[in-house]
Structure formats: structure tokens, C-alpha cells
Amino acid sequence: MNQQPCFATIILEISPERIYWLKFLLEGEEGLAGQSTVNKKNGRVTVYCAPEQILELKRFLRINGPSFGLTWTDMDIA
């Protein structure tokens, strides 16, 4: 039987010109999360990770979010 992987996802809107920076930072945190661009024009991206990594991903976003235009009010990821 083919079982689909289960991911936790967070949708963010960041500075469109900083999408590459988010991708770069996530790649540096090997195994933490992946990122997919939903709408390049408005900076909407989906970040996904294994459910057991969600707390580490939230910590990463709190620390690094300002560098790609994410503010505390944008982060509905308490």
C-alpha cells in the first residue's frame, strides 16, 4: 500500500523580493522544512515540515522572520 507523507504546513506572506532568502535559510537548516512559492507577486509561500519538527520551525520563523519581512503580527503560529 502506498502511504502519502503527512506534513504540517504554514502559509506566510513575506516580502516578495525576500522569497529567495527564506529558501536559502531553510536550506541551511538541513531537514527542518521545505518551502514552496504560492504567489511570487504578493510573497505568499507555504512552508512544510514533519509534524515533529513544527516547534523547531516556529522557533526558526520567530528568530529569522524579520530578515525576510515577516512580523510578529504575521505569525499566527504561536
N, C-alpha and C. Protein backbone atom coordinates (compact mmCIF):
# COMPACT_ATOMS: atom_id res chain seq x y z
N MET A 1 0.84 -1.18 0.00
CA MET A 1 0.00 0.00 0.00
C MET A 1 0.89 1.25 0.00
N ASN A 2 0.55 2.23 -0.83
CA ASN A 2 1.30 3.47 -0.94
C ASN A 2 0.73 4.49 0.04
N GLN A 3 1.53 4.89 1.03
CA GLN A 3 1.07 5.83 2.04
C GLN A 3 1.68 7.20 1.78
N GLN A 4 0.84 8.22 1.70
CA GLN A 4 1.30 9.58 1.45
C GLN A 4 1.93 10.16 2.72
N PRO A 5 3.03 10.92 2.59
CA PRO A 5 3.62 11.55 3.77
C PRO A 5 2.69 12.62 4.32
N CYS A 6 2.75 12.83 5.60
CA CYS A 6 1.92 13.84 6.26
C CYS A 6 2.82 14.99 6.69
N PHE A 7 2.48 16.20 6.28
CA PHE A 7 3.26 17.37 6.62
C PHE A 7 2.42 18.38 7.37
N ALA A 8 3.05 19.10 8.28
CA ALA A 8 2.45 20.29 8.88
C ALA A 8 2.79 21.44 7.95
N THR A 9 1.86 22.33 7.70
CA THR A 9 2.12 23.45 6.79
C THR A 9 1.78 24.78 7.44
N ILE A 10 2.52 25.79 7.05
CA ILE A 10 2.28 27.16 7.48
C ILE A 10 2.33 28.01 6.22
N ILE A 11 1.30 28.82 6.00
CA ILE A 11 1.27 29.72 4.86
C ILE A 11 1.66 31.11 5.36
N LEU A 12 2.63 31.71 4.68
CA LEU A 12 3.14 33.01 5.08
C LEU A 12 3.07 33.98 3.91
N GLU A 13 2.97 35.25 4.23
CA GLU A 13 3.14 36.30 3.23
C GLU A 13 4.35 37.11 3.67
N ILE A 14 5.37 37.09 2.85
CA ILE A 14 6.62 37.77 3.16
C ILE A 14 6.93 38.75 2.04
N SER A 15 7.99 39.53 2.22
CA SER A 15 8.41 40.45 1.17
C SER A 15 8.74 39.64 -0.08
N PRO A 16 8.07 39.91 -1.20
CA PRO A 16 8.31 39.11 -2.41
C PRO A 16 9.77 39.03 -2.82
N GLU A 17 10.50 40.13 -2.65
CA GLU A 17 11.91 40.12 -3.03
C GLU A 17 12.78 39.32 -2.07
N ARG A 18 12.21 38.83 -0.96
CA ARG A 18 12.96 38.06 0.02
C ARG A 18 12.60 36.57 0.03
N ILE A 19 11.80 36.13 -0.94
CA ILE A 19 11.46 34.71 -1.02
C ILE A 19 12.73 33.86 -1.11
N TYR A 20 13.67 34.32 -1.92
CA TYR A 20 14.92 33.57 -2.07
C TYR A 20 15.64 33.44 -0.74
N TRP A 21 15.56 34.48 0.11
CA TRP A 21 16.26 34.47 1.40
C TRP A 21 15.66 33.42 2.33
N LEU A 22 14.34 33.33 2.35
CA LEU A 22 13.69 32.29 3.15
C LEU A 22 14.15 30.92 2.68
N LYS A 23 14.13 30.70 1.39
CA LYS A 23 14.56 29.41 0.84
C LYS A 23 16.01 29.11 1.22
N PHE A 24 16.87 30.10 1.10
CA PHE A 24 18.28 29.95 1.45
C PHE A 24 18.45 29.57 2.93
N LEU A 25 17.74 30.28 3.81
CA LEU A 25 17.85 29.99 5.24
C LEU A 25 17.32 28.60 5.58
N LEU A 26 16.21 28.22 4.97
CA LEU A 26 15.66 26.88 5.23
C LEU A 26 16.61 25.79 4.75
N GLU A 27 17.25 26.00 3.62
CA GLU A 27 18.20 25.01 3.12
C GLU A 27 19.38 24.85 4.07
N GLY A 28 19.73 25.92 4.77
CA GLY A 28 20.81 25.87 5.75
C GLY A 28 20.46 25.08 6.99
N GLU A 29 19.19 24.92 7.25
CA GLU A 29 18.70 24.15 8.40
C GLU A 29 18.29 22.77 7.89
N GLU A 30 19.25 22.01 7.46
CA GLU A 30 19.00 20.74 6.79
C GLU A 30 18.00 19.86 7.54
N GLY A 31 16.98 19.45 6.81
CA GLY A 31 15.97 18.56 7.36
C GLY A 31 14.87 19.25 8.14
N LEU A 32 14.94 20.57 8.29
CA LEU A 32 13.91 21.26 9.07
C LEU A 32 12.61 21.40 8.31
N ALA A 33 12.67 21.98 7.12
CA ALA A 33 11.43 22.28 6.40
C ALA A 33 11.73 22.53 4.93
N GLY A 34 10.66 22.50 4.15
CA GLY A 34 10.72 22.85 2.75
C GLY A 34 9.84 24.06 2.50
N GLN A 35 9.99 24.67 1.35
CA GLN A 35 9.23 25.87 1.03
C GLN A 35 8.78 25.80 -0.41
N SER A 36 7.58 26.24 -0.65
CA SER A 36 7.02 26.31 -1.99
C SER A 36 6.38 27.68 -2.17
N THR A 37 6.67 28.32 -3.29
CA THR A 37 6.09 29.63 -3.57
C THR A 37 4.70 29.44 -4.15
N VAL A 38 3.72 30.08 -3.52
CA VAL A 38 2.33 30.02 -3.98
C VAL A 38 2.06 31.16 -4.94
N ASN A 39 2.47 32.37 -4.57
CA ASN A 39 2.26 33.56 -5.40
C ASN A 39 3.47 34.47 -5.26
N LYS A 40 4.32 34.49 -6.27
CA LYS A 40 5.55 35.27 -6.22
C LYS A 40 5.28 36.77 -6.13
N LYS A 41 4.21 37.21 -6.76
CA LYS A 41 3.91 38.64 -6.80
C LYS A 41 3.60 39.22 -5.41
N ASN A 42 2.83 38.48 -4.60
CA ASN A 42 2.49 39.00 -3.27
C ASN A 42 3.29 38.36 -2.14
N GLY A 43 4.24 37.48 -2.48
CA GLY A 43 5.11 36.89 -1.47
C GLY A 43 4.49 35.77 -0.65
N ARG A 44 3.46 35.16 -1.18
CA ARG A 44 2.81 34.06 -0.45
C ARG A 44 3.57 32.76 -0.68
N VAL A 45 3.97 32.15 0.44
CA VAL A 45 4.71 30.89 0.40
C VAL A 45 4.11 29.90 1.38
N THR A 46 4.31 28.63 1.09
CA THR A 46 3.94 27.56 2.01
C THR A 46 5.22 26.94 2.52
N VAL A 47 5.31 26.83 3.83
CA VAL A 47 6.43 26.16 4.47
C VAL A 47 5.88 24.88 5.07
N TYR A 48 6.55 23.77 4.81
CA TYR A 48 6.05 22.49 5.30
C TYR A 48 7.16 21.71 5.99
N CYS A 49 6.76 20.94 6.99
CA CYS A 49 7.74 20.14 7.72
C CYS A 49 7.04 18.92 8.31
N ALA A 50 7.84 18.01 8.83
CA ALA A 50 7.30 16.86 9.53
C ALA A 50 6.62 17.36 10.81
N PRO A 51 5.52 16.76 11.22
CA PRO A 51 4.80 17.23 12.42
C PRO A 51 5.69 17.34 13.65
N GLU A 52 6.65 16.45 13.80
CA GLU A 52 7.52 16.50 14.98
C GLU A 52 8.53 17.65 14.92
N GLN A 53 8.60 18.34 13.79
CA GLN A 53 9.51 19.47 13.63
C GLN A 53 8.81 20.83 13.74
N ILE A 54 7.50 20.83 13.95
CA ILE A 54 6.75 22.09 13.90
C ILE A 54 7.22 23.10 14.95
N LEU A 55 7.54 22.66 16.15
CA LEU A 55 8.00 23.61 17.17
C LEU A 55 9.34 24.22 16.79
N GLU A 56 10.23 23.42 16.23
CA GLU A 56 11.52 23.94 15.77
C GLU A 56 11.33 24.90 14.60
N LEU A 57 10.39 24.60 13.71
CA LEU A 57 10.10 25.51 12.60
C LEU A 57 9.56 26.84 13.12
N LYS A 58 8.67 26.81 14.08
CA LYS A 58 8.13 28.04 14.65
C LYS A 58 9.23 28.87 15.30
N ARG A 59 10.15 28.20 16.00
CA ARG A 59 11.27 28.90 16.61
C ARG A 59 12.14 29.56 15.52
N PHE A 60 12.40 28.82 14.46
CA PHE A 60 13.16 29.34 13.33
C PHE A 60 12.48 30.58 12.75
N LEU A 61 11.17 30.53 12.57
CA LEU A 61 10.44 31.66 11.99
C LEU A 61 10.44 32.87 12.92
N ARG A 62 10.34 32.65 14.23
CA ARG A 62 10.39 33.78 15.16
C ARG A 62 11.75 34.47 15.11
N ILE A 63 12.81 33.68 15.02
CA ILE A 63 14.17 34.23 15.02
C ILE A 63 14.50 34.90 13.69
N ASN A 64 14.19 34.24 12.59
CA ASN A 64 14.62 34.69 11.26
C ASN A 64 13.57 35.47 10.49
N GLY A 65 12.33 35.45 10.95
CA GLY A 65 11.24 36.10 10.22
C GLY A 65 11.50 37.54 9.81
N PRO A 66 12.03 38.38 10.69
CA PRO A 66 12.26 39.77 10.30
C PRO A 66 13.21 39.92 9.11
N SER A 67 14.12 38.98 8.91
CA SER A 67 15.07 39.10 7.80
C SER A 67 14.43 38.88 6.44
N PHE A 68 13.22 38.31 6.41
CA PHE A 68 12.52 38.18 5.13
C PHE A 68 11.16 38.85 5.15
N GLY A 69 11.00 39.83 6.06
CA GLY A 69 9.81 40.66 6.05
C GLY A 69 8.62 40.11 6.82
N LEU A 70 8.84 39.11 7.65
CA LEU A 70 7.76 38.54 8.45
C LEU A 70 7.75 39.25 9.79
N THR A 71 6.59 39.72 10.22
CA THR A 71 6.48 40.40 11.50
C THR A 71 5.72 39.53 12.48
N TRP A 72 5.77 39.88 13.74
CA TRP A 72 5.05 39.10 14.76
C TRP A 72 3.57 39.02 14.46
N THR A 73 2.98 40.09 13.94
CA THR A 73 1.56 40.06 13.65
C THR A 73 1.23 39.13 12.49
N ASP A 74 2.22 38.88 11.61
CA ASP A 74 2.01 37.96 10.51
C ASP A 74 2.03 36.51 10.97
N MET A 75 2.66 36.26 12.11
CA MET A 75 2.90 34.90 12.54
C MET A 75 1.79 34.39 13.42
N ASP A 76 0.81 33.77 12.83
CA ASP A 76 -0.26 33.12 13.57
C ASP A 76 0.18 31.68 13.83
N ILE A 77 1.33 31.56 14.48
CA ILE A 77 1.94 30.25 14.68
C ILE A 77 2.40 30.05 16.11
N ALA A 78 1.69 30.61 17.06
CA ALA A 78 2.10 30.61 18.47
C ALA A 78 2.60 29.29 18.98
